[in-house]
Amino acid sequence: MNINVAIWAIFLVIFFICLDFVHGLSVKNVIDSPLLTEKIDTNRTIIVDVNGQGNFKSVQAAINSVPDGNSDWIIIHVRKGTYREKVHVPLKKPYIFMRGNGKGRTSIVWAESSTDNSKSATFRVEAPNFVAFGISFKNQALNGVTSTSQNKSSVAALVGADKVAFYHCAFLSSHNTLFDYKGRHYYDDCYIQGSIDFIFGRGQSLFHSCEIFVIADRRVEIHGSVTAQSRYSAKENSGFVFVEGKVYGIGGVYLGRAKGAYSRVIFAHTYLSKTIVPQGWTNWSSPGSTKNLYHAEYKCYGPGSGTEGRAPWSKQLNDKEAMPFLSVDFIQGKEWLPAWL
């Protein structure tokens, strides 16, 4: 199988499997580690064991062992345990499948806050064609209720490459948790926790069946926000789409705040608890015209989904308007799909 076809078989077609309402499917398939391993079709495995029972004790050491310019899939199996290290997947090391033993059992943890998002990140992936399964990425710099300067962030993961996917992973911090920096990304059944701008960046990303937990931030009166999506022109393909997940937690937050005059975020078929404030959306960091903002909801439900009091520029989509965001067209993947899919 062509290598580009393989990554999209994993990255995009599973999207079809999961979104049963898109194509009228009646049964959801569980996206598990054996299925992903089968799709990747490799017998090259590096074992990381914190107790020294594998090839390496460090996740970074295992990544460093992958040859620069790698063109064949390699599995890095990170066994259960807490790995206290910063981890970086550099540009020259693509085609890595990092497989954990479950987000409650395999954790990569660091503690650093900084005015530089990249510097603070516990985990950073800059190589294309990367898949992670069953791993927690945590930044402990701001534990619980946040207490340090608002100008410092504590990024759990920075995703800065094209064709990257996370399955059954967790991203834990409080301020700027998930830096979805750039590229096309897919998140399935992930847990994301934070308070202010905790999913941010200019990625072109789909979040399917993700659980989003809000932590109250007591430093400021202004509400936090689940998303802060950066899009500065109509020519940019970036945007965040959330489908079939749930948003709940402590304190009040916006679904998103605009970063750039063309900021684009859509929540579809998502449970919204009362932690979502009635206004829903804010443009306080992009105070100019709101005519090009695309902050939208589609058939959401729950006590935080009411339309009364919503920001006047935000949209409640109909079926026709929502459809482009509920298919692979949004991440422009059709040209990579093999005929048998």
C-alpha atoms as a PDB file:
ATOM      1  CA  MET A   1       0.000   0.000   0.000  1.00  0.00           C
ATOM      2  CA  ASN A   2       1.285   3.486  -0.865  1.00  0.00           C
ATOM      3  CA  ILE A   3       2.484   5.220   2.327  1.00  0.00           C
ATOM      4  CA  ASN A   4       0.298   8.288   1.820  1.00  0.00           C
ATOM      5  CA  VAL A   5      -2.715   6.068   1.250  1.00  0.00           C
ATOM      6  CA  ALA A   6      -1.951   4.250   4.482  1.00  0.00           C
ATOM      7  CA  ILE A   7      -1.908   7.362   6.625  1.00  0.00           C
ATOM      8  CA  TRP A   8      -5.204   8.570   5.221  1.00  0.00           C
ATOM      9  CA  ALA A   9      -6.719   5.133   5.666  1.00  0.00           C
ATOM     10  CA  ILE A  10      -5.986   5.604   9.358  1.00  0.00           C
ATOM     11  CA  PHE A  11      -6.566   9.330   9.593  1.00  0.00           C
ATOM     12  CA  LEU A  12      -9.662   9.922   7.494  1.00  0.00           C
ATOM     13  CA  VAL A  13     -11.574   6.753   6.789  1.00  0.00           C
ATOM     14  CA  ILE A  14     -11.964   6.051  10.478  1.00  0.00           C
ATOM     15  CA  PHE A  15     -13.731   9.394  10.523  1.00  0.00           C
ATOM     16  CA  PHE A  16     -16.364   7.847   8.237  1.00  0.00           C
ATOM     17  CA  ILE A  17     -16.641   4.857  10.553  1.00  0.00           C
ATOM     18  CA  CYS A  18     -17.130   7.001  13.632  1.00  0.00           C
ATOM     19  CA  LEU A  19     -19.616   9.535  12.291  1.00  0.00           C
ATOM     20  CA  ASP A  20     -22.510   7.189  11.789  1.00  0.00           C
ATOM     21  CA  PHE A  21     -24.983  10.006  11.197  1.00  0.00           C
ATOM     22  CA  VAL A  22     -23.011  11.344   8.227  1.00  0.00           C
ATOM     23  CA  HIS A  23     -23.477   8.355   5.960  1.00  0.00           C
ATOM     24  CA  GLY A  24     -26.452   6.714   7.617  1.00  0.00           C
ATOM     25  CA  LEU A  25     -24.481   3.927   9.270  1.00  0.00           C
ATOM     26  CA  SER A  26     -26.209   2.323  12.218  1.00  0.00           C
ATOM     27  CA  VAL A  27     -23.261   0.821  14.101  1.00  0.00           C
ATOM     28  CA  LYS A  28     -20.170   2.498  15.511  1.00  0.00           C
ATOM     29  CA  ASN A  29     -16.906   0.620  15.369  1.00  0.00           C
ATOM     30  CA  VAL A  30     -14.471   0.992  18.229  1.00  0.00           C
ATOM     31  CA  ILE A  31     -11.193   2.498  17.077  1.00  0.00           C
ATOM     32  CA  ASP A  32      -8.739   0.469  19.116  1.00  0.00           C
ATOM     33  CA  SER A  33      -5.033  -0.232  19.102  1.00  0.00           C
ATOM     34  CA  PRO A  34      -5.245  -3.543  17.169  1.00  0.00           C
ATOM     35  CA  LEU A  35      -7.213  -1.864  14.365  1.00  0.00           C
ATOM     36  CA  LEU A  36      -4.699   0.953  14.045  1.00  0.00           C
ATOM     37  CA  THR A  37      -1.803  -1.505  14.172  1.00  0.00           C
ATOM     38  CA  GLU A  38      -3.424  -3.546  11.393  1.00  0.00           C
ATOM     39  CA  LYS A  39      -3.890  -0.465   9.209  1.00  0.00           C
ATOM     40  CA  ILE A  40      -0.308   0.638   9.728  1.00  0.00           C
ATOM     41  CA  ASP A  41       0.906  -2.869   8.767  1.00  0.00           C
ATOM     42  CA  THR A  42       4.406  -2.933  10.203  1.00  0.00           C
ATOM     43  CA  ASN A  43       6.425  -5.371  12.290  1.00  0.00           C
ATOM     44  CA  ARG A  44       8.911  -2.742  13.465  1.00  0.00           C
ATOM     45  CA  THR A  45       8.340  -2.062  17.169  1.00  0.00           C
ATOM     46  CA  ILE A  46      10.436  -0.209  19.740  1.00  0.00           C
ATOM     47  CA  ILE A  47       9.465  -0.854  23.362  1.00  0.00           C
ATOM     48  CA  VAL A  48       9.749   1.835  26.021  1.00  0.00           C
ATOM     49  CA  ASP A  49       9.486   0.691  29.643  1.00  0.00           C
ATOM     50  CA  VAL A  50      10.010   3.013  32.570  1.00  0.00           C
ATOM     51  CA  ASN A  51      11.259   0.052  34.625  1.00  0.00           C
ATOM     52  CA  GLY A  52      13.923  -0.878  32.109  1.00  0.00           C
ATOM     53  CA  GLN A  53      12.221  -3.951  30.654  1.00  0.00           C
ATOM     54  CA  GLY A  54      12.217  -2.628  27.062  1.00  0.00           C
ATOM     55  CA  ASN A  55      14.569  -1.195  24.487  1.00  0.00           C
ATOM     56  CA  PHE A  56      14.570   2.215  26.195  1.00  0.00           C
ATOM     57  CA  LYS A  57      13.460   3.735  29.496  1.00  0.00           C
ATOM     58  CA  SER A  58      12.851   7.154  27.898  1.00  0.00           C
ATOM     59  CA  VAL A  59      10.285   8.079  25.243  1.00  0.00           C
ATOM     60  CA  GLN A  60      12.647  10.678  23.797  1.00  0.00           C
ATOM     61  CA  ALA A  61      15.455   8.142  23.527  1.00  0.00           C
ATOM     62  CA  ALA A  62      13.163   5.866  21.492  1.00  0.00           C
ATOM     63  CA  ILE A  63      12.229   8.722  19.157  1.00  0.00           C
ATOM     64  CA  ASN A  64      15.889   9.674  18.764  1.00  0.00           C
ATOM     65  CA  SER A  65      16.613   6.122  17.593  1.00  0.00           C
ATOM     66  CA  VAL A  66      14.294   6.512  14.582  1.00  0.00           C
ATOM     67  CA  PRO A  67      16.439   7.323  11.523  1.00  0.00           C
ATOM     68  CA  ASP A  68      16.172  10.812  10.079  1.00  0.00           C
ATOM     69  CA  GLY A  69      14.159  10.742   6.887  1.00  0.00           C
ATOM     70  CA  ASN A  70      12.319   7.598   8.003  1.00  0.00           C
ATOM     71  CA  SER A  71       9.819   6.459   5.347  1.00  0.00           C
ATOM     72  CA  ASP A  72       8.346   3.287   6.906  1.00  0.00           C
ATOM     73  CA  TRP A  73       5.976   3.053   9.840  1.00  0.00           C
ATOM     74  CA  ILE A  74       7.582   2.365  13.215  1.00  0.00           C
ATOM     75  CA  ILE A  75       5.593   1.526  16.358  1.00  0.00           C
ATOM     76  CA  ILE A  76       6.899   2.983  19.603  1.00  0.00           C
ATOM     77  CA  HIS A  77       5.084   1.057  22.328  1.00  0.00           C
ATOM     78  CA  VAL A  78       5.161   3.119  25.526  1.00  0.00           C
ATOM     79  CA  ARG A  79       4.240   0.722  28.306  1.00  0.00           C
ATOM     80  CA  LYS A  80       2.258   1.747  31.373  1.00  0.00           C
ATOM     81  CA  GLY A  81       3.926   4.208  33.693  1.00  0.00           C
ATOM     82  CA  THR A  82       4.613   7.901  34.177  1.00  0.00           C
ATOM     83  CA  TYR A  83       7.385   9.269  31.983  1.00  0.00           C
ATOM     84  CA  ARG A  84       8.617  12.543  33.443  1.00  0.00           C
ATOM     85  CA  GLU A  85      10.256  14.170  30.453  1.00  0.00           C
ATOM     86  CA  LYS A  86       9.713  16.651  27.659  1.00  0.00           C
ATOM     87  CA  VAL A  87       9.203  14.859  24.361  1.00  0.00           C
ATOM     88  CA  HIS A  88       9.807  16.206  20.858  1.00  0.00           C
ATOM     89  CA  VAL A  89       9.087  14.440  17.553  1.00  0.00           C
ATOM     90  CA  PRO A  90      11.229  16.474  15.126  1.00  0.00           C
ATOM     91  CA  LEU A  91      10.446  17.187  11.490  1.00  0.00           C
ATOM     92  CA  LYS A  92      12.848  14.556  10.120  1.00  0.00           C
ATOM     93  CA  LYS A  93      11.239  11.620  11.970  1.00  0.00           C
ATOM     94  CA  PRO A  94       7.844  10.953  10.325  1.00  0.00           C
ATOM     95  CA  TYR A  95       5.762   7.750  10.266  1.00  0.00           C
ATOM     96  CA  ILE A  96       5.720   7.065  13.994  1.00  0.00           C
ATOM     97  CA  PHE A  97       2.808   5.316  15.707  1.00  0.00           C
ATOM     98  CA  MET A  98       3.208   5.992  19.448  1.00  0.00           C
ATOM     99  CA  ARG A  99       1.078   3.413  21.212  1.00  0.00           C
ATOM    100  CA  GLY A 100       0.407   3.596  24.937  1.00  0.00           C
ATOM    101  CA  ASN A 101      -1.416   1.230  27.274  1.00  0.00           C
ATOM    102  CA  GLY A 102      -4.328   3.635  27.776  1.00  0.00           C
ATOM    103  CA  LYS A 103      -4.636   7.266  28.785  1.00  0.00           C
ATOM    104  CA  GLY A 104      -5.119   6.252  32.419  1.00  0.00           C
ATOM    105  CA  ARG A 105      -2.011   4.065  32.423  1.00  0.00           C
ATOM    106  CA  THR A 106       0.604   5.695  30.166  1.00  0.00           C
ATOM    107  CA  SER A 107       1.459   9.339  30.877  1.00  0.00           C
ATOM    108  CA  ILE A 108       4.066  11.791  29.634  1.00  0.00           C
ATOM    109  CA  VAL A 109       4.357  14.526  32.258  1.00  0.00           C
ATOM    110  CA  TRP A 110       6.353  17.728  32.669  1.00  0.00           C
ATOM    111  CA  ALA A 111       5.896  20.993  34.549  1.00  0.00           C
ATOM    112  CA  GLU A 112       6.837  24.241  32.844  1.00  0.00           C
ATOM    113  CA  SER A 113       5.148  27.583  32.233  1.00  0.00           C
ATOM    114  CA  SER A 114       6.401  30.220  29.834  1.00  0.00           C
ATOM    115  CA  THR A 115       5.379  33.173  27.694  1.00  0.00           C
ATOM    116  CA  ASP A 116       6.590  30.990  24.805  1.00  0.00           C
ATOM    117  CA  ASN A 117       4.013  28.299  24.035  1.00  0.00           C
ATOM    118  CA  SER A 118       6.552  26.072  22.301  1.00  0.00           C
ATOM    119  CA  LYS A 119       8.986  26.265  25.183  1.00  0.00           C
ATOM    120  CA  SER A 120       6.402  25.268  27.778  1.00  0.00           C
ATOM    121  CA  ALA A 121       5.049  22.247  25.848  1.00  0.00           C
ATOM    122  CA  THR A 122       5.391  18.839  27.487  1.00  0.00           C
ATOM    123  CA  PHE A 123       4.944  17.118  24.109  1.00  0.00           C
ATOM    124  CA  ARG A 124       5.717  18.576  20.697  1.00  0.00           C
ATOM    125  CA  VAL A 125       5.192  16.865  17.334  1.00  0.00           C
ATOM    126  CA  GLU A 126       6.549  18.530  14.199  1.00  0.00           C
ATOM    127  CA  ALA A 127       6.872  15.438  11.982  1.00  0.00           C
ATOM    128  CA  PRO A 128       4.059  14.641   9.546  1.00  0.00           C
ATOM    129  CA  ASN A 129       2.288  11.274   9.496  1.00  0.00           C
ATOM    130  CA  PHE A 130       2.176  10.744  13.254  1.00  0.00           C
ATOM    131  CA  VAL A 131      -0.406   8.747  15.210  1.00  0.00           C
ATOM    132  CA  ALA A 132      -0.772   8.423  18.996  1.00  0.00           C
ATOM    133  CA  PHE A 133      -3.039   6.044  20.895  1.00  0.00           C
ATOM    134  CA  GLY A 134      -3.828   5.692  24.599  1.00  0.00           C
ATOM    135  CA  ILE A 135      -1.441   8.254  26.103  1.00  0.00           C
ATOM    136  CA  SER A 136      -1.923  11.190  28.483  1.00  0.00           C
ATOM    137  CA  PHE A 137       0.064  14.370  27.876  1.00  0.00           C
ATOM    138  CA  LYS A 138       0.200  16.560  30.968  1.00  0.00           C
ATOM    139  CA  ASN A 139       1.712  19.874  31.996  1.00  0.00           C
ATOM    140  CA  GLN A 140       1.679  20.183  35.792  1.00  0.00           C
ATOM    141  CA  ALA A 141       2.991  23.752  35.968  1.00  0.00           C
ATOM    142  CA  LEU A 142      -0.422  25.127  36.902  1.00  0.00           C
ATOM    143  CA  ASN A 143      -2.142  22.506  38.983  1.00  0.00           C
ATOM    144  CA  GLY A 144      -5.814  22.807  39.854  1.00  0.00           C
ATOM    145  CA  VAL A 145      -7.078  26.377  40.064  1.00  0.00           C
ATOM    146  CA  THR A 146      -4.591  28.519  38.186  1.00  0.00           C
ATOM    147  CA  SER A 147      -2.436  30.843  40.226  1.00  0.00           C
ATOM    148  CA  THR A 148       0.422  32.231  38.123  1.00  0.00           C
ATOM    149  CA  SER A 149       0.616  35.091  35.667  1.00  0.00           C
ATOM    150  CA  GLN A 150      -1.969  35.162  32.901  1.00  0.00           C
ATOM    151  CA  ASN A 151       0.824  35.868  30.438  1.00  0.00           C
ATOM    152  CA  LYS A 152       2.372  32.440  31.002  1.00  0.00           C
ATOM    153  CA  SER A 153       0.964  29.304  29.421  1.00  0.00           C
ATOM    154  CA  SER A 154       1.460  25.653  30.299  1.00  0.00           C
ATOM    155  CA  VAL A 155       1.010  23.711  27.075  1.00  0.00           C
ATOM    156  CA  ALA A 156       0.464  19.962  27.371  1.00  0.00           C
ATOM    157  CA  ALA A 157       0.896  19.282  23.639  1.00  0.00           C
ATOM    158  CA  LEU A 158       1.896  21.271  20.573  1.00  0.00           C
ATOM    159  CA  VAL A 159       0.714  19.747  17.280  1.00  0.00           C
ATOM    160  CA  GLY A 160       2.600  21.436  14.469  1.00  0.00           C
ATOM    161  CA  ALA A 161       2.617  18.983  11.561  1.00  0.00           C
ATOM    162  CA  ASP A 162       0.331  17.784   8.781  1.00  0.00           C
ATOM    163  CA  LYS A 163      -1.605  14.500   8.979  1.00  0.00           C
ATOM    164  CA  VAL A 164      -1.487  13.873  12.716  1.00  0.00           C
ATOM    165  CA  ALA A 165      -4.075  11.843  14.634  1.00  0.00           C
ATOM    166  CA  PHE A 166      -4.746  11.099  18.306  1.00  0.00           C
ATOM    167  CA  TYR A 167      -7.001   8.281  19.524  1.00  0.00           C
ATOM    168  CA  HIS A 168      -8.091   7.781  23.154  1.00  0.00           C
ATOM    169  CA  CYS A 169      -5.537  10.304  24.412  1.00  0.00           C
ATOM    170  CA  ALA A 170      -5.746  12.935  27.163  1.00  0.00           C
ATOM    171  CA  PHE A 171      -4.405  16.484  27.254  1.00  0.00           C
ATOM    172  CA  LEU A 172      -4.252  17.984  30.735  1.00  0.00           C
ATOM    173  CA  SER A 173      -3.302  21.455  31.889  1.00  0.00           C
ATOM    174  CA  SER A 174      -5.182  24.595  32.817  1.00  0.00           C
ATOM    175  CA  HIS A 175      -4.023  27.437  30.556  1.00  0.00           C
ATOM    176  CA  ASN A 176      -3.395  26.872  26.814  1.00  0.00           C
ATOM    177  CA  THR A 177      -3.589  23.086  27.103  1.00  0.00           C
ATOM    178  CA  LEU A 178      -3.629  21.957  23.471  1.00  0.00           C
ATOM    179  CA  PHE A 179      -1.745  24.092  20.954  1.00  0.00           C
ATOM    180  CA  ASP A 180      -3.270  22.874  17.687  1.00  0.00           C
ATOM    181  CA  TYR A 181      -0.702  24.938  15.874  1.00  0.00           C
ATOM    182  CA  LYS A 182      -0.910  24.037  12.172  1.00  0.00           C
ATOM    183  CA  GLY A 183      -1.702  21.226   9.752  1.00  0.00           C
ATOM    184  CA  ARG A 184      -4.571  18.750   9.361  1.00  0.00           C
ATOM    185  CA  HIS A 185      -5.400  16.820  12.507  1.00  0.00           C
ATOM    186  CA  TYR A 186      -7.930  14.303  13.806  1.00  0.00           C
ATOM    187  CA  TYR A 187      -8.801  13.637  17.462  1.00  0.00           C
ATOM    188  CA  ASP A 188     -11.018  10.701  18.389  1.00  0.00           C
ATOM    189  CA  ASP A 189     -12.422   9.972  21.860  1.00  0.00           C
ATOM    190  CA  CYS A 190      -9.909  12.244  23.575  1.00  0.00           C
ATOM    191  CA  TYR A 191     -10.128  14.059  26.935  1.00  0.00           C
ATOM    192  CA  ILE A 192      -9.065  17.729  26.993  1.00  0.00           C
ATOM    193  CA  GLN A 193      -8.939  19.780  30.196  1.00  0.00           C
ATOM    194  CA  GLY A 194      -8.282  23.473  30.774  1.00  0.00           C
ATOM    195  CA  SER A 195      -9.640  26.924  31.548  1.00  0.00           C
ATOM    196  CA  ILE A 196      -8.424  29.740  29.258  1.00  0.00           C
ATOM    197  CA  ASP A 197      -7.926  29.253  25.494  1.00  0.00           C
ATOM    198  CA  PHE A 198      -7.251  25.618  26.158  1.00  0.00           C
ATOM    199  CA  ILE A 199      -7.654  24.520  22.528  1.00  0.00           C
ATOM    200  CA  PHE A 200      -5.955  27.129  20.370  1.00  0.00           C
ATOM    201  CA  GLY A 201      -3.984  27.650  17.173  1.00  0.00           C
ATOM    202  CA  ARG A 202      -4.617  27.609  13.432  1.00  0.00           C
ATOM    203  CA  GLY A 203      -4.905  23.884  12.749  1.00  0.00           C
ATOM    204  CA  GLN A 204      -7.484  22.381  10.394  1.00  0.00           C
ATOM    205  CA  SER A 205      -8.873  19.857  12.826  1.00  0.00           C
ATOM    206  CA  LEU A 206     -11.743  17.510  13.592  1.00  0.00           C
ATOM    207  CA  PHE A 207     -12.518  16.522  17.180  1.00  0.00           C
ATOM    208  CA  HIS A 208     -14.827  13.509  17.268  1.00  0.00           C
ATOM    209  CA  SER A 209     -16.492  12.305  20.458  1.00  0.00           C
ATOM    210  CA  CYS A 210     -14.085  14.279  22.645  1.00  0.00           C
ATOM    211  CA  GLU A 211     -14.713  15.064  26.305  1.00  0.00           C
ATOM    212  CA  ILE A 212     -13.871  18.646  27.238  1.00  0.00           C
ATOM    213  CA  PHE A 213     -13.614  19.502  30.933  1.00  0.00           C
ATOM    214  CA  VAL A 214     -13.491  23.098  32.128  1.00  0.00           C
ATOM    215  CA  ILE A 215     -11.493  24.185  35.187  1.00  0.00           C
ATOM    216  CA  ALA A 216     -12.580  27.438  36.827  1.00  0.00           C
ATOM    217  CA  ASP A 217     -10.005  30.235  36.652  1.00  0.00           C
ATOM    218  CA  ARG A 218     -10.223  32.584  39.630  1.00  0.00           C
ATOM    219  CA  ARG A 219      -7.536  35.054  38.584  1.00  0.00           C
ATOM    220  CA  VAL A 220      -9.806  37.193  36.466  1.00  0.00           C
ATOM    221  CA  GLU A 221     -13.463  38.121  36.170  1.00  0.00           C
ATOM    222  CA  ILE A 222     -13.579  37.546  32.427  1.00  0.00           C
ATOM    223  CA  HIS A 223     -14.711  34.082  31.455  1.00  0.00           C
ATOM    224  CA  GLY A 224     -12.284  31.601  30.007  1.00  0.00           C
ATOM    225  CA  SER A 225     -12.829  29.988  26.614  1.00  0.00           C
ATOM    226  CA  VAL A 226     -12.729  26.463  25.264  1.00  0.00           C
ATOM    227  CA  THR A 227     -11.236  27.576  21.947  1.00  0.00           C
ATOM    228  CA  ALA A 228      -9.168  30.451  20.579  1.00  0.00           C
ATOM    229  CA  GLN A 229      -8.916  29.687  16.875  1.00  0.00           C
ATOM    230  CA  SER A 230      -6.596  31.812  14.744  1.00  0.00           C
ATOM    231  CA  ARG A 231      -7.692  32.556  11.199  1.00  0.00           C
ATOM    232  CA  TYR A 232      -6.823  35.855   9.554  1.00  0.00           C
ATOM    233  CA  SER A 233      -8.130  35.580   5.992  1.00  0.00           C
ATOM    234  CA  ALA A 234     -10.794  33.814   3.952  1.00  0.00           C
ATOM    235  CA  LYS A 235      -8.061  31.976   2.039  1.00  0.00           C
ATOM    236  CA  GLU A 236      -6.950  30.028   5.108  1.00  0.00           C
ATOM    237  CA  ASN A 237      -8.415  26.517   5.379  1.00  0.00           C
ATOM    238  CA  SER A 238      -7.989  26.347   9.141  1.00  0.00           C
ATOM    239  CA  GLY A 239     -10.736  25.821  11.697  1.00  0.00           C
ATOM    240  CA  PHE A 240     -11.866  23.577  14.545  1.00  0.00           C
ATOM    241  CA  VAL A 241     -14.876  21.258  14.224  1.00  0.00           C
ATOM    242  CA  PHE A 242     -16.240  19.381  17.257  1.00  0.00           C
ATOM    243  CA  VAL A 243     -18.698  16.544  16.625  1.00  0.00           C
ATOM    244  CA  GLU A 244     -20.606  14.368  19.100  1.00  0.00           C
ATOM    245  CA  GLY A 245     -18.585  15.280  22.188  1.00  0.00           C
ATOM    246  CA  LYS A 246     -19.474  17.000  25.441  1.00  0.00           C
ATOM    247  CA  VAL A 247     -18.389  20.126  27.266  1.00  0.00           C
ATOM    248  CA  TYR A 248     -18.829  20.357  31.031  1.00  0.00           C
ATOM    249  CA  GLY A 249     -16.991  21.424  34.186  1.00  0.00           C
ATOM    250  CA  ILE A 250     -16.703  24.169  36.782  1.00  0.00           C
ATOM    251  CA  GLY A 251     -17.277  27.889  36.278  1.00  0.00           C
ATOM    252  CA  GLY A 252     -18.445  29.706  33.168  1.00  0.00           C
ATOM    253  CA  VAL A 253     -16.670  29.773  29.815  1.00  0.00           C
ATOM    254  CA  TYR A 254     -17.275  30.759  26.217  1.00  0.00           C
ATOM    255  CA  LEU A 255     -17.259  28.149  23.501  1.00  0.00           C
ATOM    256  CA  GLY A 256     -14.675  30.291  21.800  1.00  0.00           C
ATOM    257  CA  ARG A 257     -13.051  33.648  21.412  1.00  0.00           C
ATOM    258  CA  ALA A 258     -11.974  35.021  18.074  1.00  0.00           C
ATOM    259  CA  LYS A 259      -8.293  35.296  17.249  1.00  0.00           C
ATOM    260  CA  GLY A 260      -8.319  36.924  13.851  1.00  0.00           C
ATOM    261  CA  ALA A 261     -11.158  38.400  11.848  1.00  0.00           C
ATOM    262  CA  TYR A 262     -11.980  35.039  10.179  1.00  0.00           C
ATOM    263  CA  SER A 263     -11.860  32.766  13.235  1.00  0.00           C
ATOM    264  CA  ARG A 264     -13.791  29.528  12.542  1.00  0.00           C
ATOM    265  CA  VAL A 265     -15.149  27.033  15.097  1.00  0.00           C
ATOM    266  CA  ILE A 266     -18.160  24.709  14.813  1.00  0.00           C
ATOM    267  CA  PHE A 267     -19.761  22.550  17.514  1.00  0.00           C
ATOM    268  CA  ALA A 268     -22.127  19.890  16.145  1.00  0.00           C
ATOM    269  CA  HIS A 269     -24.242  17.276  17.957  1.00  0.00           C
ATOM    270  CA  THR A 270     -22.402  18.245  21.144  1.00  0.00           C
ATOM    271  CA  TYR A 271     -23.682  18.195  24.733  1.00  0.00           C
ATOM    272  CA  LEU A 272     -23.135  21.617  26.317  1.00  0.00           C
ATOM    273  CA  SER A 273     -23.542  21.887  30.078  1.00  0.00           C
ATOM    274  CA  LYS A 274     -24.427  25.076  31.923  1.00  0.00           C
ATOM    275  CA  THR A 275     -20.715  25.857  32.149  1.00  0.00           C
ATOM    276  CA  ILE A 276     -21.207  27.510  28.729  1.00  0.00           C
ATOM    277  CA  VAL A 277     -22.303  31.102  29.339  1.00  0.00           C
ATOM    278  CA  PRO A 278     -25.435  32.320  27.487  1.00  0.00           C
ATOM    279  CA  GLN A 279     -23.458  34.580  25.121  1.00  0.00           C
ATOM    280  CA  GLY A 280     -21.589  31.506  23.914  1.00  0.00           C
ATOM    281  CA  TRP A 281     -18.892  33.375  21.968  1.00  0.00           C
ATOM    282  CA  THR A 282     -16.723  36.476  22.363  1.00  0.00           C
ATOM    283  CA  ASN A 283     -14.619  38.692  20.099  1.00  0.00           C
ATOM    284  CA  TRP A 284     -12.863  40.592  22.883  1.00  0.00           C
ATOM    285  CA  SER A 285      -9.398  39.826  21.462  1.00  0.00           C
ATOM    286  CA  SER A 286     -10.475  40.709  17.895  1.00  0.00           C
ATOM    287  CA  PRO A 287     -12.630  43.779  18.493  1.00  0.00           C
ATOM    288  CA  GLY A 288     -13.096  44.860  14.868  1.00  0.00           C
ATOM    289  CA  SER A 289     -15.881  43.822  12.515  1.00  0.00           C
ATOM    290  CA  THR A 290     -17.554  40.496  13.279  1.00  0.00           C
ATOM    291  CA  LYS A 291     -18.995  39.942   9.790  1.00  0.00           C
ATOM    292  CA  ASN A 292     -16.359  37.376   8.826  1.00  0.00           C
ATOM    293  CA  LEU A 293     -16.315  35.371  12.055  1.00  0.00           C
ATOM    294  CA  TYR A 294     -17.654  31.827  11.701  1.00  0.00           C
ATOM    295  CA  HIS A 295     -18.659  30.724  15.178  1.00  0.00           C
ATOM    296  CA  ALA A 296     -21.417  28.187  14.787  1.00  0.00           C
ATOM    297  CA  GLU A 297     -23.474  25.445  16.420  1.00  0.00           C
ATOM    298  CA  TYR A 298     -25.445  22.622  14.874  1.00  0.00           C
ATOM    299  CA  LYS A 299     -28.000  20.521  16.749  1.00  0.00           C
ATOM    300  CA  CYS A 300     -26.231  20.846  20.084  1.00  0.00           C
ATOM    301  CA  TYR A 301     -28.132  19.985  23.247  1.00  0.00           C
ATOM    302  CA  GLY A 302     -27.990  20.376  27.028  1.00  0.00           C
ATOM    303  CA  PRO A 303     -28.508  23.345  29.394  1.00  0.00           C
ATOM    304  CA  GLY A 304     -25.713  25.364  27.770  1.00  0.00           C
ATOM    305  CA  SER A 305     -27.059  25.060  24.235  1.00  0.00           C
ATOM    306  CA  GLY A 306     -29.809  27.660  24.432  1.00  0.00           C
ATOM    307  CA  THR A 307     -29.866  30.257  21.675  1.00  0.00           C
ATOM    308  CA  GLU A 308     -31.253  33.129  23.750  1.00  0.00           C
ATOM    309  CA  GLY A 309     -28.506  35.645  24.472  1.00  0.00           C
ATOM    310  CA  ARG A 310     -26.043  34.148  21.983  1.00  0.00           C
ATOM    311  CA  ALA A 311     -23.519  36.503  20.384  1.00  0.00           C
ATOM    312  CA  PRO A 312     -25.322  38.167  17.441  1.00  0.00           C
ATOM    313  CA  TRP A 313     -22.699  37.134  14.857  1.00  0.00           C
ATOM    314  CA  SER A 314     -22.770  33.451  15.896  1.00  0.00           C
ATOM    315  CA  LYS A 315     -24.723  31.002  13.781  1.00  0.00           C
ATOM    316  CA  GLN A 316     -27.165  28.153  14.298  1.00  0.00           C
ATOM    317  CA  LEU A 317     -26.588  26.037  11.216  1.00  0.00           C
ATOM    318  CA  ASN A 318     -29.169  24.157   9.192  1.00  0.00           C
ATOM    319  CA  ASP A 319     -28.464  20.739   7.629  1.00  0.00           C
ATOM    320  CA  LYS A 320     -27.143  22.161   4.365  1.00  0.00           C
ATOM    321  CA  GLU A 321     -24.853  24.672   6.079  1.00  0.00           C
ATOM    322  CA  ALA A 322     -23.462  22.060   8.471  1.00  0.00           C
ATOM    323  CA  MET A 323     -22.751  19.301   5.956  1.00  0.00           C
ATOM    324  CA  PRO A 324     -19.358  20.618   4.671  1.00  0.00           C
ATOM    325  CA  PHE A 325     -18.019  20.418   8.225  1.00  0.00           C
ATOM    326  CA  LEU A 326     -19.245  16.880   8.890  1.00  0.00           C
ATOM    327  CA  SER A 327     -17.321  15.134   6.136  1.00  0.00           C
ATOM    328  CA  VAL A 328     -13.722  14.655   5.082  1.00  0.00           C
ATOM    329  CA  ASP A 329     -14.143  17.551   2.655  1.00  0.00           C
ATOM    330  CA  PHE A 330     -13.309  19.873   5.537  1.00  0.00           C
ATOM    331  CA  ILE A 331      -9.775  18.504   5.794  1.00  0.00           C
ATOM    332  CA  GLN A 332      -9.399  17.978   2.044  1.00  0.00           C
ATOM    333  CA  GLY A 333      -8.531  14.310   2.161  1.00  0.00           C
ATOM    334  CA  LYS A 334     -10.393  12.783  -0.747  1.00  0.00           C
ATOM    335  CA  GLU A 335      -7.441  12.796  -3.107  1.00  0.00           C
ATOM    336  CA  TRP A 336      -5.518  10.497  -0.745  1.00  0.00           C
ATOM    337  CA  LEU A 337      -8.177   7.828  -0.327  1.00  0.00           C
ATOM    338  CA  PRO A 338      -7.743   4.426  -2.005  1.00  0.00           C
ATOM    339  CA  ALA A 339     -10.575   3.094  -4.185  1.00  0.00           C
ATOM    340  CA  TRP A 340     -11.480   0.299  -1.795  1.00  0.00           C
ATOM    341  CA  LEU A 341     -12.598   2.695   0.932  1.00  0.00           C
END
